[in-house]
């Protein structure tokens, strides 16, 4: 009996090793159900990519912000490189309030998500100590 059980456990471990990494955690939201949620804790970051032409740097230099999208979640969000936390960035959504966040010196930071049926763009604020102007991507 022990050999049979050991054989089943060994086969299960071997099959698990063959599964793609993203198979273990399916996204927990889709479409409008993702709006306002965290792209990392929902699993939407697993298949995300940066939209071509969606990277923007402040006019005076600084960290770049970019738009990320998840096909499996049908959602988008803005992300910024590691930077001093005085830098702000946002996901601007047409006819809705934006999601604005601060950068982090320890890791890339990101906004909440929006369903990608909305028009949106990423923006980064020119940091000058008192709040500057925003530089944005085109609308997607």
N, C-alpha and C. Protein backbone atom coordinates (compact mmCIF):
# COMPACT_ATOMS: atom_id res chain seq x y z
N UNK A 1 0.82 -1.20 0.00
CA UNK A 1 0.00 0.00 0.00
C UNK A 1 0.86 1.25 0.00
N UNK A 2 1.94 1.24 0.79
CA UNK A 2 2.83 2.41 0.87
C UNK A 2 3.46 2.72 -0.48
N UNK A 3 3.90 1.68 -1.21
CA UNK A 3 4.52 1.89 -2.52
C UNK A 3 3.52 2.50 -3.51
N UNK A 4 2.27 2.04 -3.46
CA UNK A 4 1.25 2.55 -4.36
C UNK A 4 0.98 4.04 -4.08
N UNK A 5 0.84 4.39 -2.79
CA UNK A 5 0.60 5.78 -2.40
C UNK A 5 1.78 6.66 -2.79
N UNK A 6 2.99 6.17 -2.55
CA UNK A 6 4.19 6.91 -2.90
C UNK A 6 4.25 7.15 -4.41
N UNK A 7 3.86 6.14 -5.18
CA UNK A 7 3.84 6.29 -6.63
C UNK A 7 2.85 7.33 -7.10
N UNK A 8 1.69 7.39 -6.46
CA UNK A 8 0.67 8.39 -6.82
C UNK A 8 1.16 9.79 -6.47
N UNK A 9 1.74 9.95 -5.29
CA UNK A 9 2.27 11.26 -4.87
C UNK A 9 3.39 11.70 -5.81
N UNK A 10 4.29 10.79 -6.15
CA UNK A 10 5.39 11.11 -7.05
C UNK A 10 4.85 11.55 -8.41
N UNK A 11 3.84 10.88 -8.94
CA UNK A 11 3.26 11.24 -10.23
C UNK A 11 2.60 12.62 -10.15
N UNK A 12 1.91 12.90 -9.04
CA UNK A 12 1.26 14.21 -8.89
C UNK A 12 2.28 15.33 -8.84
N UNK A 13 3.38 15.13 -8.13
CA UNK A 13 4.44 16.14 -8.06
C UNK A 13 5.06 16.35 -9.44
N UNK A 14 5.29 15.28 -10.18
CA UNK A 14 5.87 15.39 -11.52
C UNK A 14 4.94 16.15 -12.46
N UNK A 15 3.65 15.89 -12.40
CA UNK A 15 2.70 16.60 -13.26
C UNK A 15 2.60 18.07 -12.89
N UNK A 16 2.63 18.38 -11.61
CA UNK A 16 2.59 19.77 -11.16
C UNK A 16 3.78 20.55 -11.70
N UNK A 17 4.94 19.94 -11.75
CA UNK A 17 6.14 20.60 -12.25
C UNK A 17 6.02 20.93 -13.73
N UNK A 18 5.20 20.19 -14.47
CA UNK A 18 5.05 20.42 -15.90
C UNK A 18 4.05 21.52 -16.23
N UNK A 19 3.20 21.92 -15.27
CA UNK A 19 2.21 22.96 -15.53
C UNK A 19 2.86 24.32 -15.67
N UNK A 20 2.33 25.19 -16.52
CA UNK A 20 2.86 26.56 -16.63
C UNK A 20 2.68 27.29 -15.32
N UNK A 21 3.57 28.24 -15.03
CA UNK A 21 3.55 28.97 -13.78
C UNK A 21 2.22 29.68 -13.54
N UNK A 22 1.61 30.28 -14.54
CA UNK A 22 0.39 31.04 -14.36
C UNK A 22 -0.84 30.18 -14.10
N UNK A 23 -0.74 28.86 -14.26
CA UNK A 23 -1.88 27.99 -14.11
C UNK A 23 -2.34 27.92 -12.67
N UNK A 24 -1.45 28.04 -11.72
CA UNK A 24 -1.78 27.87 -10.32
C UNK A 24 -2.73 28.95 -9.81
N UNK A 25 -2.57 30.18 -10.24
CA UNK A 25 -3.41 31.26 -9.74
C UNK A 25 -4.16 31.92 -10.91
N UNK A 26 -5.42 31.60 -11.02
CA UNK A 26 -6.24 32.25 -12.04
C UNK A 26 -6.62 33.64 -11.53
N UNK A 27 -6.84 34.56 -12.45
CA UNK A 27 -7.24 35.91 -12.07
C UNK A 27 -8.58 35.86 -11.35
N UNK A 28 -8.73 36.70 -10.34
CA UNK A 28 -9.95 36.68 -9.53
C UNK A 28 -10.99 37.69 -9.98
N UNK A 29 -10.73 38.41 -11.09
CA UNK A 29 -11.72 39.36 -11.60
C UNK A 29 -11.59 39.44 -13.12
N UNK A 30 -12.60 40.04 -13.73
CA UNK A 30 -12.57 40.24 -15.18
C UNK A 30 -13.43 41.46 -15.51
N UNK A 31 -12.96 42.27 -16.46
CA UNK A 31 -13.73 43.40 -16.95
C UNK A 31 -14.08 44.40 -15.86
N UNK A 32 -15.35 44.80 -15.80
CA UNK A 32 -15.77 45.82 -14.84
C UNK A 32 -15.57 45.37 -13.40
N UNK A 33 -15.50 44.06 -13.17
CA UNK A 33 -15.25 43.53 -11.83
C UNK A 33 -13.85 43.82 -11.33
N UNK A 34 -12.94 44.23 -12.21
CA UNK A 34 -11.56 44.56 -11.82
C UNK A 34 -11.39 46.05 -11.48
N UNK A 35 -12.33 46.88 -11.90
CA UNK A 35 -12.21 48.32 -11.69
C UNK A 35 -12.03 48.64 -10.21
N UNK A 36 -10.96 49.40 -9.92
CA UNK A 36 -10.66 49.81 -8.55
C UNK A 36 -9.86 48.80 -7.75
N UNK A 37 -9.54 47.65 -8.33
CA UNK A 37 -8.82 46.60 -7.61
C UNK A 37 -7.33 46.61 -7.91
N UNK A 38 -6.60 45.91 -7.07
CA UNK A 38 -5.14 45.80 -7.13
C UNK A 38 -4.75 44.77 -8.20
N UNK A 39 -3.93 45.13 -9.18
CA UNK A 39 -3.57 44.18 -10.24
C UNK A 39 -2.72 43.01 -9.75
N UNK A 40 -2.00 43.19 -8.67
CA UNK A 40 -1.14 42.11 -8.18
C UNK A 40 -1.92 41.09 -7.35
N UNK A 41 -2.75 41.56 -6.43
CA UNK A 41 -3.47 40.62 -5.56
C UNK A 41 -4.59 39.89 -6.29
N UNK A 42 -5.05 40.41 -7.41
CA UNK A 42 -6.10 39.75 -8.19
C UNK A 42 -5.53 38.74 -9.19
N UNK A 43 -4.21 38.74 -9.36
CA UNK A 43 -3.59 37.84 -10.33
C UNK A 43 -3.53 38.42 -11.73
N UNK A 44 -4.00 39.65 -11.92
CA UNK A 44 -4.01 40.25 -13.26
C UNK A 44 -2.61 40.60 -13.76
N UNK A 45 -1.66 40.75 -12.86
CA UNK A 45 -0.30 41.05 -13.26
C UNK A 45 0.41 39.89 -13.95
N UNK A 46 -0.13 38.68 -13.80
CA UNK A 46 0.54 37.49 -14.32
C UNK A 46 0.72 37.51 -15.84
N UNK A 47 -0.27 37.99 -16.58
CA UNK A 47 -0.15 38.00 -18.04
C UNK A 47 -0.06 39.42 -18.61
N UNK A 48 0.21 40.38 -17.74
CA UNK A 48 0.22 41.79 -18.16
C UNK A 48 1.41 42.12 -19.05
N UNK A 49 1.20 43.12 -19.89
CA UNK A 49 2.28 43.65 -20.72
C UNK A 49 2.11 45.16 -20.83
N UNK A 50 3.18 45.84 -21.24
CA UNK A 50 3.14 47.29 -21.42
C UNK A 50 2.68 47.58 -22.83
N UNK A 51 1.67 48.44 -22.95
CA UNK A 51 1.18 48.83 -24.28
C UNK A 51 2.26 49.56 -25.06
N UNK A 52 2.40 49.25 -26.33
CA UNK A 52 3.37 49.91 -27.19
C UNK A 52 3.05 51.40 -27.27
N UNK A 53 4.06 52.23 -27.04
CA UNK A 53 3.89 53.68 -27.10
C UNK A 53 3.23 54.28 -25.87
N UNK A 54 3.20 53.51 -24.77
CA UNK A 54 2.50 54.00 -23.58
C UNK A 54 3.45 54.39 -22.45
N UNK A 55 4.68 54.63 -22.76
CA UNK A 55 5.67 55.01 -21.75
C UNK A 55 5.90 56.52 -21.84
N UNK A 56 5.86 57.20 -20.69
CA UNK A 56 6.01 58.66 -20.67
C UNK A 56 6.96 59.06 -19.55
N UNK A 57 7.84 60.01 -19.86
CA UNK A 57 8.80 60.54 -18.89
C UNK A 57 8.50 62.02 -18.69
N UNK A 58 8.61 62.53 -17.46
CA UNK A 58 8.34 63.96 -17.22
C UNK A 58 9.23 64.85 -18.09
N UNK A 59 8.73 66.00 -18.45
CA UNK A 59 9.44 66.93 -19.34
C UNK A 59 10.84 67.26 -18.84
N UNK A 60 11.02 67.42 -17.55
CA UNK A 60 12.34 67.76 -16.99
C UNK A 60 13.17 66.56 -16.61
N UNK A 61 12.72 65.35 -16.97
CA UNK A 61 13.43 64.13 -16.61
C UNK A 61 12.85 63.52 -15.34
N UNK A 62 13.09 62.26 -15.15
CA UNK A 62 12.57 61.56 -13.98
C UNK A 62 12.11 60.17 -14.34
N UNK A 63 11.39 59.51 -13.43
CA UNK A 63 10.96 58.14 -13.67
C UNK A 63 9.85 58.07 -14.72
N UNK A 64 9.85 57.01 -15.49
CA UNK A 64 8.84 56.83 -16.53
C UNK A 64 7.61 56.13 -15.95
N UNK A 65 6.45 56.56 -16.42
CA UNK A 65 5.19 55.87 -16.12
C UNK A 65 4.76 55.18 -17.40
N UNK A 66 4.01 54.09 -17.26
CA UNK A 66 3.57 53.34 -18.43
C UNK A 66 2.23 52.68 -18.16
N UNK A 67 1.55 52.32 -19.23
CA UNK A 67 0.28 51.62 -19.13
C UNK A 67 0.51 50.13 -19.23
N UNK A 68 -0.12 49.38 -18.33
CA UNK A 68 -0.07 47.93 -18.34
C UNK A 68 -1.47 47.41 -18.60
N UNK A 69 -1.59 46.33 -19.34
CA UNK A 69 -2.88 45.71 -19.59
C UNK A 69 -2.79 44.20 -19.35
N UNK A 70 -3.89 43.64 -18.92
CA UNK A 70 -4.00 42.20 -18.71
C UNK A 70 -5.09 41.66 -19.62
N UNK A 71 -4.74 40.82 -20.59
CA UNK A 71 -5.75 40.22 -21.46
C UNK A 71 -6.75 39.35 -20.70
N UNK A 72 -6.27 38.57 -19.73
CA UNK A 72 -7.17 37.67 -19.01
C UNK A 72 -8.16 38.42 -18.13
N UNK A 73 -7.80 39.61 -17.68
CA UNK A 73 -8.68 40.40 -16.81
C UNK A 73 -9.44 41.49 -17.57
N UNK A 74 -9.04 41.77 -18.80
CA UNK A 74 -9.63 42.88 -19.57
C UNK A 74 -9.55 44.17 -18.77
N UNK A 75 -8.36 44.44 -18.21
CA UNK A 75 -8.17 45.60 -17.35
C UNK A 75 -6.83 46.26 -17.62
N UNK A 76 -6.72 47.52 -17.21
CA UNK A 76 -5.49 48.30 -17.41
C UNK A 76 -5.17 49.09 -16.14
N UNK A 77 -3.89 49.46 -16.00
CA UNK A 77 -3.43 50.27 -14.88
C UNK A 77 -2.14 50.97 -15.27
N UNK A 78 -1.74 51.95 -14.47
CA UNK A 78 -0.48 52.65 -14.70
C UNK A 78 0.56 52.11 -13.72
N UNK A 79 1.82 52.12 -14.16
CA UNK A 79 2.94 51.66 -13.34
C UNK A 79 4.07 52.65 -13.48
N UNK A 80 4.87 52.81 -12.43
CA UNK A 80 6.03 53.71 -12.47
C UNK A 80 7.25 52.96 -11.96
N UNK A 81 8.40 53.34 -12.45
CA UNK A 81 9.67 52.76 -12.01
C UNK A 81 9.93 53.12 -10.56
N UNK A 82 10.90 52.44 -9.94
CA UNK A 82 11.33 52.80 -8.59
C UNK A 82 11.80 54.24 -8.60
N UNK A 83 11.36 55.02 -7.62
CA UNK A 83 11.74 56.43 -7.56
C UNK A 83 11.41 56.97 -6.17
N UNK A 84 11.94 58.13 -5.88
CA UNK A 84 11.63 58.84 -4.66
C UNK A 84 10.11 58.95 -4.54
N UNK A 85 9.58 58.78 -3.34
CA UNK A 85 8.12 58.77 -3.16
C UNK A 85 7.46 60.14 -3.37
N UNK A 86 8.24 61.18 -3.62
CA UNK A 86 7.65 62.48 -3.95
C UNK A 86 7.07 62.49 -5.37
N UNK A 87 7.50 61.57 -6.21
CA UNK A 87 6.97 61.49 -7.57
C UNK A 87 5.56 60.92 -7.54
N UNK A 88 4.65 61.58 -8.26
CA UNK A 88 3.28 61.08 -8.38
C UNK A 88 3.02 60.67 -9.83
N UNK A 89 2.14 59.69 -9.98
CA UNK A 89 1.72 59.25 -11.30
C UNK A 89 0.25 58.88 -11.20
N UNK A 90 -0.42 58.76 -12.35
CA UNK A 90 -1.84 58.43 -12.30
C UNK A 90 -2.29 57.70 -13.54
N UNK A 91 -3.39 57.01 -13.38
CA UNK A 91 -4.13 56.45 -14.50
C UNK A 91 -5.30 57.40 -14.67
N UNK A 92 -5.29 58.13 -15.78
CA UNK A 92 -6.37 59.06 -16.07
C UNK A 92 -7.40 58.33 -16.91
N UNK A 93 -8.67 58.45 -16.54
CA UNK A 93 -9.76 57.75 -17.20
C UNK A 93 -10.76 58.78 -17.69
N UNK A 94 -11.07 58.75 -18.99
CA UNK A 94 -12.01 59.75 -19.54
C UNK A 94 -13.33 59.70 -18.81
N UNK A 95 -13.81 60.89 -18.41
CA UNK A 95 -15.10 61.06 -17.75
C UNK A 95 -15.22 60.35 -16.40
N UNK A 96 -14.09 60.09 -15.75
CA UNK A 96 -14.07 59.45 -14.43
C UNK A 96 -12.93 60.04 -13.62
N UNK A 97 -12.97 59.82 -12.31
CA UNK A 97 -11.88 60.27 -11.45
C UNK A 97 -10.64 59.43 -11.73
N UNK A 98 -9.45 60.04 -11.70
CA UNK A 98 -8.22 59.28 -11.94
C UNK A 98 -7.81 58.48 -10.70
N UNK A 99 -6.94 57.51 -10.90
CA UNK A 99 -6.30 56.79 -9.80
C UNK A 99 -4.89 57.36 -9.70
N UNK A 100 -4.61 58.10 -8.63
CA UNK A 100 -3.31 58.74 -8.44
C UNK A 100 -2.55 58.06 -7.32
N UNK A 101 -1.26 57.81 -7.54
CA UNK A 101 -0.41 57.13 -6.56
C UNK A 101 0.95 57.81 -6.49
N UNK A 102 1.73 57.43 -5.49
CA UNK A 102 3.12 57.89 -5.34
C UNK A 102 4.06 56.75 -5.71
N UNK A 103 5.21 57.12 -6.24
CA UNK A 103 6.25 56.14 -6.54
C UNK A 103 6.80 55.57 -5.23
N UNK A 104 7.56 54.51 -5.33
CA UNK A 104 8.21 53.90 -4.17
C UNK A 104 9.70 53.77 -4.44
N UNK A 105 10.54 54.07 -3.44
CA UNK A 105 11.98 53.90 -3.64
C UNK A 105 12.41 52.43 -3.62
N UNK A 106 11.51 51.53 -3.21
CA UNK A 106 11.86 50.12 -3.04
C UNK A 106 11.40 49.20 -4.17
N UNK A 107 10.40 49.61 -4.93
CA UNK A 107 9.86 48.74 -5.98
C UNK A 107 9.04 49.57 -6.96
N UNK A 108 8.68 48.96 -8.08
CA UNK A 108 7.77 49.63 -9.00
C UNK A 108 6.43 49.78 -8.30
N UNK A 109 5.74 50.86 -8.58
CA UNK A 109 4.43 51.09 -7.97
C UNK A 109 3.38 51.13 -9.07
N UNK A 110 2.14 50.92 -8.71
CA UNK A 110 1.08 50.86 -9.71
C UNK A 110 -0.22 51.41 -9.12
N UNK A 111 -1.12 51.78 -10.01
CA UNK A 111 -2.44 52.27 -9.61
C UNK A 111 -3.41 51.11 -9.53
N UNK A 112 -4.63 51.41 -9.11
CA UNK A 112 -5.72 50.45 -9.21
C UNK A 112 -6.07 50.28 -10.69
N UNK A 113 -6.86 49.27 -10.99
CA UNK A 113 -7.19 48.96 -12.38
C UNK A 113 -8.51 49.59 -12.82
N UNK A 114 -8.66 49.65 -14.14
CA UNK A 114 -9.92 50.04 -14.75
C UNK A 114 -10.21 49.05 -15.88
N UNK A 115 -11.47 48.79 -16.11
CA UNK A 115 -11.89 47.93 -17.21
C UNK A 115 -11.41 48.56 -18.50
N UNK A 116 -10.81 47.79 -19.39
CA UNK A 116 -10.19 48.40 -20.57
C UNK A 116 -11.19 48.79 -21.67
N UNK A 117 -12.48 48.82 -21.35
CA UNK A 117 -13.44 49.37 -22.31
C UNK A 117 -13.48 50.89 -22.21
N UNK A 118 -12.85 51.45 -21.19
CA UNK A 118 -12.78 52.91 -21.01
C UNK A 118 -11.55 53.45 -21.73
N UNK A 119 -11.56 54.74 -22.08
CA UNK A 119 -10.36 55.40 -22.61
C UNK A 119 -9.51 55.80 -21.41
N UNK A 120 -8.21 55.55 -21.48
CA UNK A 120 -7.32 55.81 -20.35
C UNK A 120 -5.94 56.20 -20.86
N UNK A 121 -5.15 56.79 -19.96
CA UNK A 121 -3.76 57.11 -20.26
C UNK A 121 -2.98 57.20 -18.96
N UNK A 122 -1.67 57.04 -19.07
CA UNK A 122 -0.77 57.15 -17.91
C UNK A 122 -0.17 58.55 -17.90
N UNK A 123 -0.01 59.11 -16.71
CA UNK A 123 0.58 60.43 -16.55
C UNK A 123 1.57 60.40 -15.40
N UNK A 124 2.59 61.23 -15.50
CA UNK A 124 3.56 61.40 -14.42
C UNK A 124 3.72 62.90 -14.18
N UNK A 125 3.81 63.27 -12.91
CA UNK A 125 3.91 64.68 -12.55
C UNK A 125 5.37 65.11 -12.50
N UNK A 126 5.64 66.27 -13.06
CA UNK A 126 6.98 66.86 -12.97
C UNK A 126 7.18 67.30 -11.53
N UNK A 127 8.07 66.63 -10.82
CA UNK A 127 8.29 66.95 -9.42
C UNK A 127 9.23 68.15 -9.30
N UNK A 128 8.75 69.20 -8.66
CA UNK A 128 9.59 70.38 -8.46
C UNK A 128 9.51 70.90 -7.03
N UNK A 129 9.01 70.07 -6.13
CA UNK A 129 8.94 70.45 -4.73
C UNK A 129 7.61 71.08 -4.33
N UNK A 130 6.87 71.62 -5.27
CA UNK A 130 5.57 72.23 -4.96
C UNK A 130 4.45 71.64 -5.81
N UNK A 131 4.74 70.65 -6.59
CA UNK A 131 3.73 70.08 -7.49
C UNK A 131 3.85 70.74 -8.84
N UNK A 132 4.06 69.96 -9.82
CA UNK A 132 4.29 70.52 -11.15
C UNK A 132 3.21 70.14 -12.13
N UNK A 133 3.56 70.21 -13.37
CA UNK A 133 2.61 69.87 -14.43
C UNK A 133 2.69 68.38 -14.74
N UNK A 134 1.64 67.87 -15.36
CA UNK A 134 1.57 66.45 -15.70
C UNK A 134 1.95 66.23 -17.16
N UNK A 135 2.72 65.17 -17.42
CA UNK A 135 3.04 64.72 -18.77
C UNK A 135 2.34 63.39 -18.95
N UNK A 136 1.58 63.24 -20.05
CA UNK A 136 0.75 62.06 -20.23
C UNK A 136 1.00 61.37 -21.56
N UNK A 137 0.65 60.11 -21.62
CA UNK A 137 0.68 59.35 -22.89
C UNK A 137 -0.53 59.80 -23.71
N UNK A 138 -0.63 59.29 -24.90
CA UNK A 138 -1.85 59.51 -25.67
C UNK A 138 -2.96 58.67 -25.03
N UNK A 139 -4.19 58.92 -25.41
CA UNK A 139 -5.32 58.13 -24.92
C UNK A 139 -5.33 56.77 -25.61
N UNK A 140 -5.58 55.74 -24.88
CA UNK A 140 -5.70 54.39 -25.42
C UNK A 140 -7.11 53.91 -25.22
